[in-house]
């Protein structure tokens, strides 16, 4: 049974089955058509199949979904950075936008927005990392002495290293800890 559509002002007003008297607003439809009542006829190809989403977006009949962009006639999902810059995702903590690029904050900027406990944890972790970078030298020096071989560190360098590590341990008793920490200079 043949199908027909009625168009008025470029809008599909009705779809009929059967025989219809000839009318300039009545158009015969092929068997595999995709037309729907209420759509603008511009949304369809010549064979009455629906145009793809990219074409409909370009024609203004469909909105680009949030978080997507058109790229070389394809709809692609935005990267996380693009979503953040577009205001669709939240900027990660301890990051900032500089010249439309998401970058990590400087240490002083991070500390400025941290709560007291976070600052304490941050400084303790930094201190522990600094100690771990040096502690192997103490172990090596002690092993070399026990073996009676020439030590890599002089006794003076060894004492300076021990003092440096102790000064790192003592950062938590500094007067303004954790708001201000004066890290000792590495020997």
Protein backbone atom coordinates (compact mmCIF):
# COMPACT_ATOMS: atom_id res chain seq x y z
CA UNK A 1 0.00 0.00 0.00
CA UNK A 2 1.43 3.38 -0.99
CA UNK A 3 2.25 6.02 1.58
CA UNK A 4 2.02 9.76 1.12
CA UNK A 5 2.97 12.76 3.17
CA UNK A 6 1.34 16.12 3.45
CA UNK A 7 3.70 19.11 3.67
CA UNK A 8 2.72 22.61 4.70
CA UNK A 9 5.30 25.39 5.13
CA UNK A 10 8.12 22.76 4.85
CA UNK A 11 6.68 20.83 7.84
CA UNK A 12 5.45 17.26 7.46
CA UNK A 13 1.84 17.53 8.66
CA UNK A 14 0.61 13.97 8.04
CA UNK A 15 1.45 10.59 6.58
CA UNK A 16 -1.29 8.60 4.82
CA UNK A 17 -1.60 5.06 3.50
CA UNK A 18 -3.77 4.20 0.56
CA UNK A 19 -5.02 6.15 -2.41
CA UNK A 20 -5.08 9.93 -2.21
CA UNK A 21 -6.41 12.45 -4.65
CA UNK A 22 -3.68 14.46 -6.35
CA UNK A 23 -2.76 17.59 -4.45
CA UNK A 24 0.34 19.76 -4.69
CA UNK A 25 0.98 19.33 -0.92
CA UNK A 26 0.81 15.51 -1.10
CA UNK A 27 4.05 13.70 -1.94
CA UNK A 28 4.40 9.95 -2.48
CA UNK A 29 6.94 8.22 -0.18
CA UNK A 30 9.25 5.34 -1.04
CA UNK A 31 8.92 2.08 0.87
CA UNK A 32 11.91 2.62 3.16
CA UNK A 33 11.29 6.27 4.04
CA UNK A 34 12.10 7.62 7.51
CA UNK A 35 9.90 10.72 7.61
CA UNK A 36 8.09 11.63 10.79
CA UNK A 37 5.17 13.96 11.31
CA UNK A 38 6.27 17.33 12.68
CA UNK A 39 9.75 17.32 11.12
CA UNK A 40 10.97 19.90 8.64
CA UNK A 41 11.35 18.37 5.20
CA UNK A 42 14.91 19.82 5.09
CA UNK A 43 15.87 17.15 7.69
CA UNK A 44 15.61 14.47 4.99
CA UNK A 45 17.64 13.42 1.97
CA UNK A 46 16.13 13.13 -1.52
CA UNK A 47 15.20 9.50 -0.82
CA UNK A 48 13.44 10.61 2.42
CA UNK A 49 15.99 9.00 4.71
CA UNK A 50 16.91 11.18 7.64
CA UNK A 51 20.09 13.26 7.30
CA UNK A 52 22.84 12.34 9.74
CA UNK A 53 23.26 14.22 13.03
CA UNK A 54 26.22 16.28 11.80
CA UNK A 55 24.19 17.58 8.86
CA UNK A 56 21.24 18.35 11.13
CA UNK A 57 23.52 20.21 13.54
CA UNK A 58 25.01 22.25 10.69
CA UNK A 59 21.50 23.07 9.45
CA UNK A 60 20.48 24.17 12.95
CA UNK A 61 17.83 21.47 13.45
CA UNK A 62 19.74 19.75 16.19
CA UNK A 63 22.01 20.98 18.95
CA UNK A 64 25.51 19.67 19.33
CA UNK A 65 25.41 17.50 22.46
CA UNK A 66 27.19 18.97 25.45
CA UNK A 67 30.80 17.81 25.61
CA UNK A 68 31.09 17.24 21.86
CA UNK A 69 32.54 19.26 18.99
CA UNK A 70 32.46 19.09 15.20
CA UNK A 71 35.79 18.14 13.70
CA UNK A 72 36.18 17.44 9.97
CA UNK A 73 32.46 16.74 9.56
CA UNK A 74 32.47 14.33 12.49
CA UNK A 75 31.02 14.72 15.95
CA UNK A 76 33.79 13.90 18.46
CA UNK A 77 33.91 14.04 22.22
CA UNK A 78 35.92 16.90 23.67
CA UNK A 79 39.05 16.13 25.66
CA UNK A 80 38.89 16.62 29.42
CA UNK A 81 40.93 19.82 29.07
CA UNK A 82 38.52 21.15 26.43
CA UNK A 83 35.56 20.34 28.69
CA UNK A 84 37.22 22.15 31.60
CA UNK A 85 37.99 25.20 29.46
CA UNK A 86 34.38 25.20 28.19
CA UNK A 87 33.10 25.12 31.78
CA UNK A 88 31.59 21.65 31.42
CA UNK A 89 33.94 19.98 33.93
CA UNK A 90 35.43 21.26 37.14
CA UNK A 91 39.03 22.43 37.17
CA UNK A 92 41.01 19.90 39.22
CA UNK A 93 42.22 21.07 42.61
CA UNK A 94 45.73 22.50 42.54
CA UNK A 95 45.42 23.38 38.85
CA UNK A 96 44.95 26.73 37.15
CA UNK A 97 44.40 28.03 33.64
CA UNK A 98 47.22 30.02 32.05
CA UNK A 99 46.84 31.19 28.44
CA UNK A 100 44.02 28.66 27.90
CA UNK A 101 46.23 25.81 29.12
CA UNK A 102 45.58 23.84 32.32
CA UNK A 103 48.73 23.76 34.44
CA UNK A 104 49.58 22.64 37.96
CA UNK A 105 49.81 25.40 40.57
CA UNK A 106 53.12 26.40 42.07
CA UNK A 107 53.87 25.07 45.55
CA UNK A 108 53.09 28.41 47.25
CA UNK A 109 49.72 28.58 45.46
CA UNK A 110 48.78 25.08 46.59
CA UNK A 111 49.76 25.85 50.17
CA UNK A 112 47.67 29.04 50.10
CA UNK A 113 44.46 27.06 49.54
CA UNK A 114 45.24 24.06 51.76
CA UNK A 115 43.67 23.50 55.17
CA UNK A 116 46.00 23.19 58.18
CA UNK A 117 46.02 19.37 58.25
CA UNK A 118 46.68 19.23 54.50
CA UNK A 119 49.64 21.58 54.94
CA UNK A 120 51.03 19.43 57.75
CA UNK A 121 50.66 16.28 55.64
CA UNK A 122 52.18 18.02 52.62
CA UNK A 123 55.26 19.18 54.55
CA UNK A 124 55.74 15.82 56.25
CA UNK A 125 55.59 14.03 52.91
CA UNK A 126 58.02 16.49 51.34
CA UNK A 127 60.33 16.13 54.33
CA UNK A 128 60.18 12.33 54.17
CA UNK A 129 61.01 12.38 50.45
CA UNK A 130 63.99 14.65 51.06
CA UNK A 131 65.24 12.34 53.84
CA UNK A 132 64.76 9.24 51.66
CA UNK A 133 66.84 10.86 48.92
CA UNK A 134 69.81 11.05 51.33
CA UNK A 135 69.44 8.18 53.80
CA UNK A 136 71.17 5.67 51.54
CA UNK A 137 74.36 7.74 51.77
CA UNK A 138 74.44 7.19 55.55
CA UNK A 139 73.99 3.45 55.13
CA UNK A 140 76.72 3.29 52.49
CA UNK A 141 79.12 5.34 54.67
CA UNK A 142 78.53 3.06 57.69
CA UNK A 143 79.04 -0.08 55.57
CA UNK A 144 82.24 1.29 54.07
CA UNK A 145 83.59 2.06 57.58
CA UNK A 146 82.71 -1.46 58.80
CA UNK A 147 84.49 -2.96 55.82
CA UNK A 148 87.50 -0.75 56.46
CA UNK A 149 87.48 0.67 52.95
CA UNK A 150 87.80 4.29 51.84
CA UNK A 151 84.51 6.05 52.53
CA UNK A 152 82.70 8.00 49.87
CA UNK A 153 81.94 10.76 52.38
CA UNK A 154 84.49 12.45 54.61
CA UNK A 155 83.69 12.48 58.34
CA UNK A 156 82.79 16.18 58.02
CA UNK A 157 80.44 15.49 55.06
CA UNK A 158 78.90 12.60 56.98
CA UNK A 159 78.19 14.83 60.02
CA UNK A 160 76.71 17.56 57.79
CA UNK A 161 74.45 14.97 56.19
CA UNK A 162 73.32 13.70 59.62
CA UNK A 163 72.61 17.29 60.72
CA UNK A 164 70.68 17.98 57.50
CA UNK A 165 68.49 14.91 58.06
CA UNK A 166 67.88 15.89 61.69
CA UNK A 167 67.00 19.45 60.63
CA UNK A 168 64.48 17.98 58.19
CA UNK A 169 62.97 15.90 60.99
CA UNK A 170 62.70 19.05 63.11
CA UNK A 171 60.64 21.09 60.63
CA UNK A 172 57.49 20.14 62.55
CA UNK A 173 58.74 21.99 65.65
CA UNK A 174 59.45 25.22 63.79
CA UNK A 175 57.49 28.17 65.19
CA UNK A 176 55.21 28.78 62.19
CA UNK A 177 54.75 25.16 61.06
CA UNK A 178 52.76 24.35 58.88
CA UNK A 179 52.04 27.83 57.51
CA UNK A 180 55.67 28.60 56.90
CA UNK A 181 58.46 26.04 56.78
CA UNK A 182 62.12 26.88 56.46
CA UNK A 183 63.68 23.83 54.83
CA UNK A 184 67.35 23.32 55.59
CA UNK A 185 69.85 23.65 52.79
CA UNK A 186 71.09 20.37 51.39
CA UNK A 187 74.83 19.90 52.14
